[in-house]
mmCIF file of all heavy atoms, coordinates in Angstrom:
data_MODEL
# 
_entry.id   MODEL 
# 
loop_
_atom_site.group_PDB 
_atom_site.id 
_atom_site.type_symbol 
_atom_site.label_atom_id 
_atom_site.label_alt_id 
_atom_site.label_comp_id 
_atom_site.label_asym_id 
_atom_site.label_entity_id 
_atom_site.label_seq_id 
_atom_site.pdbx_PDB_ins_code 
_atom_site.Cartn_x 
_atom_site.Cartn_y 
_atom_site.Cartn_z 
_atom_site.occupancy 
_atom_site.B_iso_or_equiv 
_atom_site.pdbx_formal_charge 
_atom_site.auth_seq_id 
_atom_site.auth_comp_id 
_atom_site.auth_asym_id 
_atom_site.auth_atom_id 
_atom_site.pdbx_PDB_model_num 
ATOM 1   N N   . ASP A 1 1  ? -20.830 -3.636 3.966  1.00 0.00 ? 1  ASP A N   1 
ATOM 2   C CA  . ASP A 1 1  ? -20.015 -3.239 2.818  1.00 0.00 ? 1  ASP A CA  1 
ATOM 3   C C   . ASP A 1 1  ? -18.589 -3.746 3.005  1.00 0.00 ? 1  ASP A C   1 
ATOM 4   O O   . ASP A 1 1  ? -17.622 -3.006 2.859  1.00 0.00 ? 1  ASP A O   1 
ATOM 5   C CB  . ASP A 1 1  ? -20.049 -1.715 2.695  1.00 0.00 ? 1  ASP A CB  1 
ATOM 6   C CG  . ASP A 1 1  ? -19.812 -1.251 1.275  1.00 0.00 ? 1  ASP A CG  1 
ATOM 7   O OD1 . ASP A 1 1  ? -19.634 -2.114 0.382  1.00 0.00 ? 1  ASP A OD1 1 
ATOM 8   O OD2 . ASP A 1 1  ? -19.789 -0.031 1.057  1.00 0.00 ? 1  ASP A OD2 1 
ATOM 9   N N   . ILE A 1 2  ? -18.488 -5.021 3.313  1.00 0.00 ? 2  ILE A N   1 
ATOM 10  C CA  . ILE A 1 2  ? -17.202 -5.598 3.715  1.00 0.00 ? 2  ILE A CA  1 
ATOM 11  C C   . ILE A 1 2  ? -16.128 -5.485 2.638  1.00 0.00 ? 2  ILE A C   1 
ATOM 12  O O   . ILE A 1 2  ? -14.969 -5.205 2.942  1.00 0.00 ? 2  ILE A O   1 
ATOM 13  C CB  . ILE A 1 2  ? -17.376 -7.064 4.189  1.00 0.00 ? 2  ILE A CB  1 
ATOM 14  C CG1 . ILE A 1 2  ? -16.120 -7.521 4.930  1.00 0.00 ? 2  ILE A CG1 1 
ATOM 15  C CG2 . ILE A 1 2  ? -17.756 -7.981 3.057  1.00 0.00 ? 2  ILE A CG2 1 
ATOM 16  C CD1 . ILE A 1 2  ? -16.291 -8.793 5.709  1.00 0.00 ? 2  ILE A CD1 1 
ATOM 17  N N   . ASP A 1 3  ? -16.478 -5.660 1.386  1.00 0.00 ? 3  ASP A N   1 
ATOM 18  C CA  . ASP A 1 3  ? -15.463 -5.599 0.332  1.00 0.00 ? 3  ASP A CA  1 
ATOM 19  C C   . ASP A 1 3  ? -14.810 -4.221 0.242  1.00 0.00 ? 3  ASP A C   1 
ATOM 20  O O   . ASP A 1 3  ? -13.609 -4.114 0.004  1.00 0.00 ? 3  ASP A O   1 
ATOM 21  C CB  . ASP A 1 3  ? -16.047 -6.000 -1.017 1.00 0.00 ? 3  ASP A CB  1 
ATOM 22  C CG  . ASP A 1 3  ? -16.171 -7.501 -1.168 1.00 0.00 ? 3  ASP A CG  1 
ATOM 23  O OD1 . ASP A 1 3  ? -15.450 -8.239 -0.465 1.00 0.00 ? 3  ASP A OD1 1 
ATOM 24  O OD2 . ASP A 1 3  ? -16.994 -7.946 -1.987 1.00 0.00 ? 3  ASP A OD2 1 
ATOM 25  N N   . ASP A 1 4  ? -15.590 -3.151 0.440  1.00 0.00 ? 4  ASP A N   1 
ATOM 26  C CA  . ASP A 1 4  ? -15.009 -1.806 0.416  1.00 0.00 ? 4  ASP A CA  1 
ATOM 27  C C   . ASP A 1 4  ? -13.991 -1.628 1.535  1.00 0.00 ? 4  ASP A C   1 
ATOM 28  O O   . ASP A 1 4  ? -12.937 -1.017 1.339  1.00 0.00 ? 4  ASP A O   1 
ATOM 29  C CB  . ASP A 1 4  ? -16.090 -0.741 0.524  1.00 0.00 ? 4  ASP A CB  1 
ATOM 30  C CG  . ASP A 1 4  ? -16.775 -0.465 -0.808 1.00 0.00 ? 4  ASP A CG  1 
ATOM 31  O OD1 . ASP A 1 4  ? -16.307 -0.979 -1.847 1.00 0.00 ? 4  ASP A OD1 1 
ATOM 32  O OD2 . ASP A 1 4  ? -17.778 0.257  -0.803 1.00 0.00 ? 4  ASP A OD2 1 
ATOM 33  N N   . HIS A 1 5  ? -14.285 -2.173 2.703  1.00 0.00 ? 5  HIS A N   1 
ATOM 34  C CA  . HIS A 1 5  ? -13.379 -2.016 3.840  1.00 0.00 ? 5  HIS A CA  1 
ATOM 35  C C   . HIS A 1 5  ? -12.157 -2.921 3.718  1.00 0.00 ? 5  HIS A C   1 
ATOM 36  O O   . HIS A 1 5  ? -11.048 -2.518 4.102  1.00 0.00 ? 5  HIS A O   1 
ATOM 37  C CB  . HIS A 1 5  ? -14.137 -2.230 5.140  1.00 0.00 ? 5  HIS A CB  1 
ATOM 38  C CG  . HIS A 1 5  ? -15.249 -1.240 5.290  1.00 0.00 ? 5  HIS A CG  1 
ATOM 39  N ND1 . HIS A 1 5  ? -15.039 0.093  5.545  1.00 0.00 ? 5  HIS A ND1 1 
ATOM 40  C CD2 . HIS A 1 5  ? -16.577 -1.380 5.155  1.00 0.00 ? 5  HIS A CD2 1 
ATOM 41  C CE1 . HIS A 1 5  ? -16.189 0.729  5.578  1.00 0.00 ? 5  HIS A CE1 1 
ATOM 42  N NE2 . HIS A 1 5  ? -17.139 -0.147 5.342  1.00 0.00 ? 5  HIS A NE2 1 
ATOM 43  N N   . LEU A 1 6  ? -12.344 -4.114 3.177  1.00 0.00 ? 6  LEU A N   1 
ATOM 44  C CA  . LEU A 1 6  ? -11.185 -4.973 2.910  1.00 0.00 ? 6  LEU A CA  1 
ATOM 45  C C   . LEU A 1 6  ? -10.287 -4.322 1.862  1.00 0.00 ? 6  LEU A C   1 
ATOM 46  O O   . LEU A 1 6  ? -9.062  -4.316 2.004  1.00 0.00 ? 6  LEU A O   1 
ATOM 47  C CB  . LEU A 1 6  ? -11.639 -6.357 2.440  1.00 0.00 ? 6  LEU A CB  1 
ATOM 48  C CG  . LEU A 1 6  ? -12.279 -7.234 3.509  1.00 0.00 ? 6  LEU A CG  1 
ATOM 49  C CD1 . LEU A 1 6  ? -12.936 -8.454 2.865  1.00 0.00 ? 6  LEU A CD1 1 
ATOM 50  C CD2 . LEU A 1 6  ? -11.256 -7.667 4.547  1.00 0.00 ? 6  LEU A CD2 1 
ATOM 51  N N   . SER A 1 7  ? -10.883 -3.752 0.838  1.00 0.00 ? 7  SER A N   1 
ATOM 52  C CA  . SER A 1 7  ? -10.113 -3.064 -0.194 1.00 0.00 ? 7  SER A CA  1 
ATOM 53  C C   . SER A 1 7  ? -9.376  -1.858 0.389  1.00 0.00 ? 7  SER A C   1 
ATOM 54  O O   . SER A 1 7  ? -8.211  -1.606 0.051  1.00 0.00 ? 7  SER A O   1 
ATOM 55  C CB  . SER A 1 7  ? -11.040 -2.631 -1.328 1.00 0.00 ? 7  SER A CB  1 
ATOM 56  O OG  . SER A 1 7  ? -10.308 -2.012 -2.349 1.00 0.00 ? 7  SER A OG  1 
ATOM 57  N N   . ALA A 1 8  ? -10.024 -1.116 1.279  1.00 0.00 ? 8  ALA A N   1 
ATOM 58  C CA  . ALA A 1 8  ? -9.374  0.032  1.923  1.00 0.00 ? 8  ALA A CA  1 
ATOM 59  C C   . ALA A 1 8  ? -8.168  -0.425 2.734  1.00 0.00 ? 8  ALA A C   1 
ATOM 60  O O   . ALA A 1 8  ? -7.116  0.232  2.735  1.00 0.00 ? 8  ALA A O   1 
ATOM 61  C CB  . ALA A 1 8  ? -10.364 0.783  2.806  1.00 0.00 ? 8  ALA A CB  1 
ATOM 62  N N   . ALA A 1 9  ? -8.302  -1.548 3.433  1.00 0.00 ? 9  ALA A N   1 
ATOM 63  C CA  . ALA A 1 9  ? -7.176  -2.089 4.211  1.00 0.00 ? 9  ALA A CA  1 
ATOM 64  C C   . ALA A 1 9  ? -6.036  -2.496 3.283  1.00 0.00 ? 9  ALA A C   1 
ATOM 65  O O   . ALA A 1 9  ? -4.858  -2.217 3.572  1.00 0.00 ? 9  ALA A O   1 
ATOM 66  C CB  . ALA A 1 9  ? -7.626  -3.273 5.050  1.00 0.00 ? 9  ALA A CB  1 
ATOM 67  N N   . LEU A 1 10 ? -6.360  -3.151 2.179  1.00 0.00 ? 10 LEU A N   1 
ATOM 68  C CA  . LEU A 1 10 ? -5.328  -3.560 1.225  1.00 0.00 ? 10 LEU A CA  1 
ATOM 69  C C   . LEU A 1 10 ? -4.623  -2.342 0.625  1.00 0.00 ? 10 LEU A C   1 
ATOM 70  O O   . LEU A 1 10 ? -3.393  -2.324 0.505  1.00 0.00 ? 10 LEU A O   1 
ATOM 71  C CB  . LEU A 1 10 ? -5.938  -4.420 0.123  1.00 0.00 ? 10 LEU A CB  1 
ATOM 72  C CG  . LEU A 1 10 ? -6.446  -5.792 0.554  1.00 0.00 ? 10 LEU A CG  1 
ATOM 73  C CD1 . LEU A 1 10 ? -7.259  -6.435 -0.572 1.00 0.00 ? 10 LEU A CD1 1 
ATOM 74  C CD2 . LEU A 1 10 ? -5.301  -6.693 0.983  1.00 0.00 ? 10 LEU A CD2 1 
ATOM 75  N N   . ARG A 1 11 ? -5.383  -1.309 0.264  1.00 0.00 ? 11 ARG A N   1 
ATOM 76  C CA  . ARG A 1 11 ? -4.783  -0.085 -0.284 1.00 0.00 ? 11 ARG A CA  1 
ATOM 77  C C   . ARG A 1 11 ? -3.881  0.593  0.758  1.00 0.00 ? 11 ARG A C   1 
ATOM 78  O O   . ARG A 1 11 ? -2.807  1.105  0.416  1.00 0.00 ? 11 ARG A O   1 
ATOM 79  C CB  . ARG A 1 11 ? -5.856  0.887  -0.753 1.00 0.00 ? 11 ARG A CB  1 
ATOM 80  C CG  . ARG A 1 11 ? -6.508  0.487  -2.036 1.00 0.00 ? 11 ARG A CG  1 
ATOM 81  C CD  . ARG A 1 11 ? -7.494  1.555  -2.533 1.00 0.00 ? 11 ARG A CD  1 
ATOM 82  N NE  . ARG A 1 11 ? -8.178  1.097  -3.705 1.00 0.00 ? 11 ARG A NE  1 
ATOM 83  C CZ  . ARG A 1 11 ? -7.646  1.018  -4.917 1.00 0.00 ? 11 ARG A CZ  1 
ATOM 84  N NH1 . ARG A 1 11 ? -6.403  1.373  -5.102 1.00 0.00 ? 11 ARG A NH1 1 
ATOM 85  N NH2 . ARG A 1 11 ? -8.349  0.576  -5.936 1.00 0.00 ? 11 ARG A NH2 1 
ATOM 86  N N   . PHE A 1 12 ? -4.325  0.598  2.003  1.00 0.00 ? 12 PHE A N   1 
ATOM 87  C CA  . PHE A 1 12 ? -3.537  1.196  3.071  1.00 0.00 ? 12 PHE A CA  1 
ATOM 88  C C   . PHE A 1 12 ? -2.216  0.443  3.241  1.00 0.00 ? 12 PHE A C   1 
ATOM 89  O O   . PHE A 1 12 ? -1.153  1.059  3.365  1.00 0.00 ? 12 PHE A O   1 
ATOM 90  C CB  . PHE A 1 12 ? -4.344  1.198  4.373  1.00 0.00 ? 12 PHE A CB  1 
ATOM 91  C CG  . PHE A 1 12 ? -3.731  2.016  5.464  1.00 0.00 ? 12 PHE A CG  1 
ATOM 92  C CD1 . PHE A 1 12 ? -3.883  3.396  5.486  1.00 0.00 ? 12 PHE A CD1 1 
ATOM 93  C CD2 . PHE A 1 12 ? -3.002  1.415  6.476  1.00 0.00 ? 12 PHE A CD2 1 
ATOM 94  C CE1 . PHE A 1 12 ? -3.315  4.166  6.495  1.00 0.00 ? 12 PHE A CE1 1 
ATOM 95  C CE2 . PHE A 1 12 ? -2.438  2.166  7.494  1.00 0.00 ? 12 PHE A CE2 1 
ATOM 96  C CZ  . PHE A 1 12 ? -2.595  3.548  7.504  1.00 0.00 ? 12 PHE A CZ  1 
ATOM 97  N N   . LEU A 1 13 ? -2.282  -0.883 3.239  1.00 0.00 ? 13 LEU A N   1 
ATOM 98  C CA  . LEU A 1 13 ? -1.053  -1.684 3.315  1.00 0.00 ? 13 LEU A CA  1 
ATOM 99  C C   . LEU A 1 13 ? -0.140  -1.406 2.128  1.00 0.00 ? 13 LEU A C   1 
ATOM 100 O O   . LEU A 1 13 ? 1.078   -1.274 2.280  1.00 0.00 ? 13 LEU A O   1 
ATOM 101 C CB  . LEU A 1 13 ? -1.386  -3.181 3.374  1.00 0.00 ? 13 LEU A CB  1 
ATOM 102 C CG  . LEU A 1 13 ? -1.918  -3.722 4.686  1.00 0.00 ? 13 LEU A CG  1 
ATOM 103 C CD1 . LEU A 1 13 ? -2.338  -5.178 4.522  1.00 0.00 ? 13 LEU A CD1 1 
ATOM 104 C CD2 . LEU A 1 13 ? -0.881  -3.583 5.796  1.00 0.00 ? 13 LEU A CD2 1 
ATOM 105 N N   . HIS A 1 14 ? -0.731  -1.303 0.950  1.00 0.00 ? 14 HIS A N   1 
ATOM 106 C CA  . HIS A 1 14 ? 0.045   -1.043 -0.260 1.00 0.00 ? 14 HIS A CA  1 
ATOM 107 C C   . HIS A 1 14 ? 0.777   0.295  -0.162 1.00 0.00 ? 14 HIS A C   1 
ATOM 108 O O   . HIS A 1 14 ? 1.980   0.380  -0.438 1.00 0.00 ? 14 HIS A O   1 
ATOM 109 C CB  . HIS A 1 14 ? -0.884  -1.077 -1.482 1.00 0.00 ? 14 HIS A CB  1 
ATOM 110 C CG  . HIS A 1 14 ? -0.176  -0.810 -2.763 1.00 0.00 ? 14 HIS A CG  1 
ATOM 111 N ND1 . HIS A 1 14 ? -0.317  0.378  -3.450 1.00 0.00 ? 14 HIS A ND1 1 
ATOM 112 C CD2 . HIS A 1 14 ? 0.696   -1.558 -3.477 1.00 0.00 ? 14 HIS A CD2 1 
ATOM 113 C CE1 . HIS A 1 14 ? 0.421   0.340  -4.536 1.00 0.00 ? 14 HIS A CE1 1 
ATOM 114 N NE2 . HIS A 1 14 ? 1.054   -0.827 -4.579 1.00 0.00 ? 14 HIS A NE2 1 
ATOM 115 N N   . ARG A 1 15 ? 0.073   1.334  0.251  1.00 0.00 ? 15 ARG A N   1 
ATOM 116 C CA  . ARG A 1 15 ? 0.707   2.654  0.397  1.00 0.00 ? 15 ARG A CA  1 
ATOM 117 C C   . ARG A 1 15 ? 1.814   2.611  1.449  1.00 0.00 ? 15 ARG A C   1 
ATOM 118 O O   . ARG A 1 15 ? 2.887   3.188  1.270  1.00 0.00 ? 15 ARG A O   1 
ATOM 119 C CB  . ARG A 1 15 ? -0.335  3.720  0.748  1.00 0.00 ? 15 ARG A CB  1 
ATOM 120 C CG  . ARG A 1 15 ? -1.182  4.132  -0.445 1.00 0.00 ? 15 ARG A CG  1 
ATOM 121 C CD  . ARG A 1 15 ? -2.010  5.369  -0.174 1.00 0.00 ? 15 ARG A CD  1 
ATOM 122 N NE  . ARG A 1 15 ? -2.938  5.223  0.940  1.00 0.00 ? 15 ARG A NE  1 
ATOM 123 C CZ  . ARG A 1 15 ? -4.173  4.747  0.851  1.00 0.00 ? 15 ARG A CZ  1 
ATOM 124 N NH1 . ARG A 1 15 ? -4.640  4.361  -0.320 1.00 0.00 ? 15 ARG A NH1 1 
ATOM 125 N NH2 . ARG A 1 15 ? -4.934  4.667  1.914  1.00 0.00 ? 15 ARG A NH2 1 
ATOM 126 N N   . ALA A 1 16 ? 1.548   1.923  2.559  1.00 0.00 ? 16 ALA A N   1 
ATOM 127 C CA  . ALA A 1 16 ? 2.561   1.802  3.617  1.00 0.00 ? 16 ALA A CA  1 
ATOM 128 C C   . ALA A 1 16 ? 3.785   1.039  3.109  1.00 0.00 ? 16 ALA A C   1 
ATOM 129 O O   . ALA A 1 16 ? 4.923   1.404  3.422  1.00 0.00 ? 16 ALA A O   1 
ATOM 130 C CB  . ALA A 1 16 ? 1.965   1.116  4.843  1.00 0.00 ? 16 ALA A CB  1 
ATOM 131 N N   . LEU A 1 17 ? 3.557   0.003  2.335  1.00 0.00 ? 17 LEU A N   1 
ATOM 132 C CA  . LEU A 1 17 ? 4.655   -0.780 1.766  1.00 0.00 ? 17 LEU A CA  1 
ATOM 133 C C   . LEU A 1 17 ? 5.527   0.079  0.861  1.00 0.00 ? 17 LEU A C   1 
ATOM 134 O O   . LEU A 1 17 ? 6.755   0.057  0.960  1.00 0.00 ? 17 LEU A O   1 
ATOM 135 C CB  . LEU A 1 17 ? 4.095   -1.968 0.985  1.00 0.00 ? 17 LEU A CB  1 
ATOM 136 C CG  . LEU A 1 17 ? 5.074   -2.725 0.087  1.00 0.00 ? 17 LEU A CG  1 
ATOM 137 C CD1 . LEU A 1 17 ? 6.112   -3.451 0.926  1.00 0.00 ? 17 LEU A CD1 1 
ATOM 138 C CD2 . LEU A 1 17 ? 4.343   -3.685 -0.809 1.00 0.00 ? 17 LEU A CD2 1 
ATOM 139 N N   . LEU A 1 18 ? 4.894   0.853  -0.002 1.00 0.00 ? 18 LEU A N   1 
ATOM 140 C CA  . LEU A 1 18 ? 5.670   1.673  -0.934 1.00 0.00 ? 18 LEU A CA  1 
ATOM 141 C C   . LEU A 1 18 ? 6.391   2.813  -0.230 1.00 0.00 ? 18 LEU A C   1 
ATOM 142 O O   . LEU A 1 18 ? 7.487   3.205  -0.637 1.00 0.00 ? 18 LEU A O   1 
ATOM 143 C CB  . LEU A 1 18 ? 4.762   2.219  -2.035 1.00 0.00 ? 18 LEU A CB  1 
ATOM 144 C CG  . LEU A 1 18 ? 4.167   1.164  -2.978 1.00 0.00 ? 18 LEU A CG  1 
ATOM 145 C CD1 . LEU A 1 18 ? 3.308   1.824  -4.034 1.00 0.00 ? 18 LEU A CD1 1 
ATOM 146 C CD2 . LEU A 1 18 ? 5.242   0.301  -3.612 1.00 0.00 ? 18 LEU A CD2 1 
ATOM 147 N N   . SER A 1 19 ? 5.810   3.346  0.838  1.00 0.00 ? 19 SER A N   1 
ATOM 148 C CA  . SER A 1 19 ? 6.449   4.472  1.528  1.00 0.00 ? 19 SER A CA  1 
ATOM 149 C C   . SER A 1 19 ? 7.528   4.027  2.506  1.00 0.00 ? 19 SER A C   1 
ATOM 150 O O   . SER A 1 19 ? 8.447   4.791  2.791  1.00 0.00 ? 19 SER A O   1 
ATOM 151 C CB  . SER A 1 19 ? 5.406   5.331  2.248  1.00 0.00 ? 19 SER A CB  1 
ATOM 152 O OG  . SER A 1 19 ? 4.828   4.626  3.310  1.00 0.00 ? 19 SER A OG  1 
ATOM 153 N N   . ASN A 1 20 ? 7.438   2.790  3.008  1.00 0.00 ? 20 ASN A N   1 
ATOM 154 C CA  . ASN A 1 20 ? 8.432   2.312  3.967  1.00 0.00 ? 20 ASN A CA  1 
ATOM 155 C C   . ASN A 1 20 ? 8.580   0.790  3.850  1.00 0.00 ? 20 ASN A C   1 
ATOM 156 O O   . ASN A 1 20 ? 8.120   0.043  4.718  1.00 0.00 ? 20 ASN A O   1 
ATOM 157 C CB  . ASN A 1 20 ? 8.026   2.715  5.388  1.00 0.00 ? 20 ASN A CB  1 
ATOM 158 C CG  . ASN A 1 20 ? 9.148   2.522  6.367  1.00 0.00 ? 20 ASN A CG  1 
ATOM 159 O OD1 . ASN A 1 20 ? 10.236  2.048  6.016  1.00 0.00 ? 20 ASN A OD1 1 
ATOM 160 N ND2 . ASN A 1 20 ? 8.906   2.879  7.611  1.00 0.00 ? 20 ASN A ND2 1 
ATOM 161 N N   . PRO A 1 21 ? 9.234   0.324  2.788  1.00 0.00 ? 21 PRO A N   1 
ATOM 162 C CA  . PRO A 1 21 ? 9.369   -1.126 2.566  1.00 0.00 ? 21 PRO A CA  1 
ATOM 163 C C   . PRO A 1 21 ? 10.029  -1.872 3.713  1.00 0.00 ? 21 PRO A C   1 
ATOM 164 O O   . PRO A 1 21 ? 9.696   -3.031 3.978  1.00 0.00 ? 21 PRO A O   1 
ATOM 165 C CB  . PRO A 1 21 ? 10.224  -1.229 1.300  1.00 0.00 ? 21 PRO A CB  1 
ATOM 166 C CG  . PRO A 1 21 ? 10.133  0.099  0.641  1.00 0.00 ? 21 PRO A CG  1 
ATOM 167 C CD  . PRO A 1 21 ? 9.871   1.096  1.731  1.00 0.00 ? 21 PRO A CD  1 
ATOM 168 N N   . SER A 1 22 ? 10.939  -1.221 4.442  1.00 0.00 ? 22 SER A N   1 
ATOM 169 C CA  . SER A 1 22 ? 11.644  -1.921 5.517  1.00 0.00 ? 22 SER A CA  1 
ATOM 170 C C   . SER A 1 22 ? 10.688  -2.350 6.632  1.00 0.00 ? 22 SER A C   1 
ATOM 171 O O   . SER A 1 22 ? 10.944  -3.350 7.306  1.00 0.00 ? 22 SER A O   1 
ATOM 172 C CB  . SER A 1 22 ? 12.769  -1.056 6.078  1.00 0.00 ? 22 SER A CB  1 
ATOM 173 O OG  . SER A 1 22 ? 12.242  0.109  6.676  1.00 0.00 ? 22 SER A OG  1 
ATOM 174 N N   . THR A 1 23 ? 9.594   -1.636 6.821  1.00 0.00 ? 23 THR A N   1 
ATOM 175 C CA  . THR A 1 23 ? 8.583   -2.044 7.810  1.00 0.00 ? 23 THR A CA  1 
ATOM 176 C C   . THR A 1 23 ? 8.045   -3.428 7.474  1.00 0.00 ? 23 THR A C   1 
ATOM 177 O O   . THR A 1 23 ? 7.718   -4.206 8.369  1.00 0.00 ? 23 THR A O   1 
ATOM 178 C CB  . THR A 1 23 ? 7.417   -1.032 7.838  1.00 0.00 ? 23 THR A CB  1 
ATOM 179 O OG1 . THR A 1 23 ? 7.929   0.236  8.190  1.00 0.00 ? 23 THR A OG1 1 
ATOM 180 C CG2 . THR A 1 23 ? 6.342   -1.444 8.812  1.00 0.00 ? 23 THR A CG2 1 
ATOM 181 N N   . PHE A 1 24 ? 7.975   -3.742 6.214  1.00 0.00 ? 24 PHE A N   1 
ATOM 182 C CA  . PHE A 1 24 ? 7.452   -5.028 5.755  1.00 0.00 ? 24 PHE A CA  1 
ATOM 183 C C   . PHE A 1 24 ? 8.564   -6.067 5.589  1.00 0.00 ? 24 PHE A C   1 
ATOM 184 O O   . PHE A 1 24 ? 8.298   -7.190 5.175  1.00 0.00 ? 24 PHE A O   1 
ATOM 185 C CB  . PHE A 1 24 ? 6.698   -4.849 4.435  1.00 0.00 ? 24 PHE A CB  1 
ATOM 186 C CG  . PHE A 1 24 ? 5.404   -4.116 4.594  1.00 0.00 ? 24 PHE A CG  1 
ATOM 187 C CD1 . PHE A 1 24 ? 5.379   -2.740 4.767  1.00 0.00 ? 24 PHE A CD1 1 
ATOM 188 C CD2 . PHE A 1 24 ? 4.201   -4.800 4.607  1.00 0.00 ? 24 PHE A CD2 1 
ATOM 189 C CE1 . PHE A 1 24 ? 4.187   -2.062 4.944  1.00 0.00 ? 24 PHE A CE1 1 
ATOM 190 C CE2 . PHE A 1 24 ? 3.005   -4.137 4.787  1.00 0.00 ? 24 PHE A CE2 1 
ATOM 191 C CZ  . PHE A 1 24 ? 3.004   -2.753 4.959  1.00 0.00 ? 24 PHE A CZ  1 
ATOM 192 N N   . GLY A 1 25 ? 9.810   -5.658 5.895  1.00 0.00 ? 25 GLY A N   1 
ATOM 193 C CA  . GLY A 1 25 ? 10.948  -6.564 5.774  1.00 0.00 ? 25 GLY A CA  1 
ATOM 194 C C   . GLY A 1 25 ? 11.503  -6.639 4.362  1.00 0.00 ? 25 GLY A C   1 
ATOM 195 O O   . GLY A 1 25 ? 12.183  -7.607 4.022  1.00 0.00 ? 25 GLY A O   1 
ATOM 196 N N   . LEU A 1 26 ? 11.226  -5.615 3.552  1.00 0.00 ? 26 LEU A N   1 
ATOM 197 C CA  . LEU A 1 26 ? 11.687  -5.600 2.167  1.00 0.00 ? 26 LEU A CA  1 
ATOM 198 C C   . LEU A 1 26 ? 12.659  -4.451 1.936  1.00 0.00 ? 26 LEU A C   1 
ATOM 199 O O   . LEU A 1 26 ? 12.634  -3.446 2.647  1.00 0.00 ? 26 LEU A O   1 
ATOM 200 C CB  . LEU A 1 26 ? 10.496  -5.429 1.210  1.00 0.00 ? 26 LEU A CB  1 
ATOM 201 C CG  . LEU A 1 26 ? 9.403   -6.483 1.237  1.00 0.00 ? 26 LEU A CG  1 
ATOM 202 C CD1 . LEU A 1 26 ? 8.303   -6.117 0.251  1.00 0.00 ? 26 LEU A CD1 1 
ATOM 203 C CD2 . LEU A 1 26 ? 9.957   -7.861 0.923  1.00 0.00 ? 26 LEU A CD2 1 
ATOM 204 N N   . THR A 1 27 ? 13.490  -4.594 0.912  1.00 0.00 ? 27 THR A N   1 
ATOM 205 C CA  . THR A 1 27 ? 14.334  -3.491 0.466  1.00 0.00 ? 27 THR A CA  1 
ATOM 206 C C   . THR A 1 27 ? 13.523  -2.637 -0.497 1.00 0.00 ? 27 THR A C   1 
ATOM 207 O O   . THR A 1 27 ? 12.463  -3.062 -0.989 1.00 0.00 ? 27 THR A O   1 
ATOM 208 C CB  . THR A 1 27 ? 15.582  -4.019 -0.262 1.00 0.00 ? 27 THR A CB  1 
ATOM 209 O OG1 . THR A 1 27 ? 15.163  -4.673 -1.472 1.00 0.00 ? 27 THR A OG1 1 
ATOM 210 C CG2 . THR A 1 27 ? 16.388  -4.976 0.617  1.00 0.00 ? 27 THR A CG2 1 
# 
């Protein structure tokens, strides 16, 4: 079920980006 797990990783990155943009090097 690789697509579900890839999607979960992408969603996790997205949530992390929105909660702490500086971790990703963004303002």
